[in-house]
Protein backbone atom coordinates (compact mmCIF):
# COMPACT_ATOMS: atom_id res chain seq x y z
CA MET A 1 12.03 -8.78 15.43
CA GLY A 2 10.70 -11.94 13.76
CA GLU A 3 12.12 -13.64 10.71
CA VAL A 4 12.53 -11.56 7.55
CA THR A 5 12.43 -13.43 4.25
CA TYR A 6 12.74 -12.54 0.59
CA ASN A 7 9.55 -13.18 -1.38
CA PRO A 8 9.88 -12.17 -5.04
CA GLY A 9 6.09 -12.41 -5.43
CA ARG A 10 5.69 -9.52 -2.99
CA ASP A 11 8.30 -7.24 -4.58
CA ILE A 12 7.34 -4.01 -6.34
CA THR A 13 6.94 -5.14 -9.94
CA PRO A 14 6.09 -3.32 -13.16
CA GLN A 15 2.66 -4.97 -12.91
CA PHE A 16 2.07 -3.38 -9.47
CA VAL A 17 3.19 0.04 -10.74
CA ASN A 18 1.02 -0.34 -13.87
CA ILE A 19 -2.08 -1.12 -11.78
CA VAL A 20 -1.51 2.03 -9.74
CA ALA A 21 -0.91 4.04 -12.96
CA ARG A 22 -4.23 2.78 -14.43
CA TRP A 23 -6.04 3.72 -11.25
CA LEU A 24 -4.45 7.18 -11.31
CA ASN A 25 -5.70 7.66 -14.88
CA ALA A 26 -9.25 7.04 -13.65
CA SER A 27 -9.11 8.84 -10.31
CA PRO A 28 -7.77 12.19 -9.09
CA GLU A 29 -6.38 10.62 -5.90
CA LEU A 30 -5.31 7.28 -4.47
CA PHE A 31 -4.58 6.54 -0.82
CA ALA A 32 -1.61 4.51 0.40
CA VAL A 33 -0.82 2.92 3.75
CA LEU A 34 2.88 2.31 4.39
CA ARG A 35 3.66 -0.44 6.90
CA TYR A 36 7.27 -0.60 8.02
CA LEU A 37 9.08 -3.90 8.50
CA GLY A 38 9.68 -4.85 12.11
CA SER A 39 8.55 -1.60 13.70
CA GLY A 40 4.77 -1.78 13.54
CA SER A 41 4.72 1.90 12.57
CA LYS A 42 2.77 3.29 9.65
CA ASP A 43 2.72 6.34 7.44
CA TYR A 44 0.18 7.35 4.83
CA ALA A 45 0.09 9.18 1.50
CA PHE A 46 -2.36 10.67 -0.94
CA ILE A 47 -1.07 10.00 -4.46
CA ARG A 48 -2.18 12.26 -7.29
CA ASP A 49 0.18 11.30 -10.15
CA GLY A 50 2.71 8.73 -11.27
CA ASP A 51 5.74 10.86 -10.41
CA GLN A 52 4.50 11.20 -6.84
CA PHE A 53 4.08 7.44 -6.63
CA VAL A 54 7.65 6.82 -7.83
CA ARG A 55 8.95 9.38 -5.28
CA LEU A 56 6.95 7.63 -2.57
CA ILE A 57 8.48 4.25 -3.45
CA ASP A 58 11.95 5.80 -3.48
CA ALA A 59 11.40 7.44 -0.06
CA CYS A 60 10.44 4.17 1.63
CA PRO A 61 13.06 1.87 3.14
CA ASP A 62 13.38 -1.72 1.94
CA GLY A 63 10.74 -3.92 3.51
CA THR A 64 8.03 -1.27 3.51
CA GLU A 65 4.68 -2.72 2.54
CA ILE A 66 2.94 -0.24 0.23
CA ILE A 67 -0.83 -0.74 0.17
CA VAL A 68 -2.73 1.34 -2.39
CA PHE A 69 -6.49 1.87 -2.44
CA ARG A 70 -8.28 2.66 -5.68
CA ASP A 71 -11.40 4.19 -4.15
CA ARG A 72 -11.45 7.47 -2.22
CA GLN A 73 -10.63 7.04 1.47
CA LEU A 74 -10.97 9.34 4.48
CA PRO A 75 -13.77 11.47 3.03
CA LEU A 76 -13.97 14.11 5.77
CA ARG A 77 -11.31 16.73 5.02
CA GLY A 78 -10.44 20.12 6.41
CA VAL A 79 -9.02 22.11 9.27
CA VAL A 80 -9.82 20.62 12.67
CA THR A 81 -12.50 22.72 14.37
CA LYS A 82 -15.23 21.89 16.86
CA GLU A 83 -17.61 21.64 13.89
CA LEU A 84 -15.37 19.11 12.10
CA ILE A 85 -15.09 17.08 15.29
CA ALA A 86 -18.90 17.01 15.51
CA GLN A 87 -19.07 15.83 11.87
CA THR A 88 -16.77 12.90 12.68
CA GLN A 89 -19.24 11.71 15.33
CA LYS A 90 -21.94 11.51 12.62
CA LEU A 91 -19.70 9.89 9.99
CA ILE A 92 -18.05 7.21 12.13
CA PRO A 93 -20.16 5.13 14.54
CA ASP A 94 -18.75 4.74 18.05
CA GLY A 95 -16.91 1.41 18.14
CA GLU A 96 -15.98 1.46 14.43
CA GLU A 97 -12.28 1.82 13.71
CA TYR A 98 -11.35 5.27 12.35
CA LEU A 99 -8.21 6.74 10.82
CA TRP A 100 -7.10 10.38 10.77
CA VAL A 101 -4.19 11.57 8.67
CA SER A 102 -2.49 14.94 8.82
CA THR A 103 -2.59 16.35 5.30
CA ASP A 104 0.45 18.57 5.87
CA PRO A 105 3.72 16.71 5.13
CA GLU A 106 6.28 16.82 7.92
CA SER A 107 9.10 17.62 5.50
CA SER A 108 9.28 19.31 2.12
CA GLY A 109 9.46 16.94 -0.84
CA ASP A 110 8.32 13.87 1.14
CA ILE A 111 4.62 13.07 0.70
CA ARG A 112 4.52 10.61 3.61
CA LEU A 113 2.03 11.72 6.24
CA CYS A 114 1.46 10.83 9.88
CA GLY A 115 -1.82 9.75 11.38
CA GLY A 116 -3.55 7.77 14.05
CA PHE A 117 -6.42 5.41 14.56
CA GLY A 118 -8.71 4.06 17.23
CA ASP A 119 -12.28 2.94 17.70
CA THR A 120 -14.11 5.16 20.17
CA HIS A 121 -15.64 8.61 19.89
CA LYS A 122 -13.89 9.52 23.14
CA ASP A 123 -10.43 8.75 21.72
CA LEU A 124 -11.21 10.41 18.39
CA THR A 125 -12.43 13.58 20.11
CA GLU A 126 -9.36 13.72 22.37
CA GLU A 127 -6.96 13.19 19.45
CA LEU A 128 -8.66 15.82 17.29
CA HIS A 129 -8.70 18.38 20.11
CA GLU A 130 -4.90 18.09 20.12
CA LEU A 131 -4.95 18.84 16.37
CA LEU A 132 -7.18 21.95 16.47
CA GLY A 133 -6.17 24.21 13.57
CA ASP A 134 -4.34 21.44 11.67
CA SER A 135 -5.46 20.09 8.28
CA VAL A 136 -6.58 16.46 8.33
CA ALA A 137 -8.44 13.74 6.46
CA ILE A 138 -10.65 11.46 8.56
CA GLY A 139 -12.86 8.46 7.93
CA PRO A 140 -13.49 4.81 8.60
CA CYS A 141 -10.18 2.94 8.69
CA PRO A 142 -9.43 1.40 5.27
CA PRO A 143 -9.23 -2.41 5.37
CA PHE A 144 -5.47 -2.60 4.76
CA PHE A 145 -5.16 -6.04 6.42
CA GLU A 146 -7.27 -7.67 3.70
CA ASP A 147 -5.80 -9.57 0.76
CA ASP A 148 -5.30 -7.71 -2.51
CA ASN A 149 -8.53 -7.28 -4.44
CA GLU A 150 -10.05 -5.14 -7.21
CA SER A 151 -9.91 -2.07 -4.94
CA MET A 152 -6.58 -2.59 -3.18
CA VAL A 153 -3.09 -3.75 -4.20
CA SER A 154 0.04 -4.17 -2.14
CA ALA A 155 3.72 -4.92 -2.53
CA SER A 156 6.76 -5.00 -0.29
CA LYS A 157 9.75 -2.92 -1.34
CA GLY A 158 12.66 -5.24 -2.02
CA GLY A 159 10.38 -8.27 -1.69
CA LEU A 160 11.14 -8.40 2.03
CA ASP A 161 8.44 -9.98 4.15
CA GLY A 162 8.23 -10.22 7.89
CA PRO A 163 6.38 -8.85 10.89
CA ARG A 164 5.00 -5.34 10.54
């Protein structure tokens, strides 16, 4: 693992929480990408209220980068069927990066969700065939590597920065 540093400017601050709270007041759902320090792994969450957001922060280990999107992400939702797989081919051009997220939490009380991404129709079709009958959200991959902007904010729990 690379060097881990403390960066107070990246810590979860009241300002960060207040931005998310304002967005929640204006939208029924926000989407979060959770990038874990040192592991390269990611989880995801759909946030519908402030209490859920606080529970999400609490559930994450120190060093987790929490990236929150204001605008709706992953617009194709439902149970994976052959019809839904066909819809993904129309929504996401071959070669464009996609993200799918299971909308069923792996454990009760924890809103973190698993998912996967890629950039070919072949990979997407193969992944979704393995998920037939499961509930998912799918769409173009949100630009979580971009800098914070009017539609996305991020912070690192504990202010810890390093490779993710």
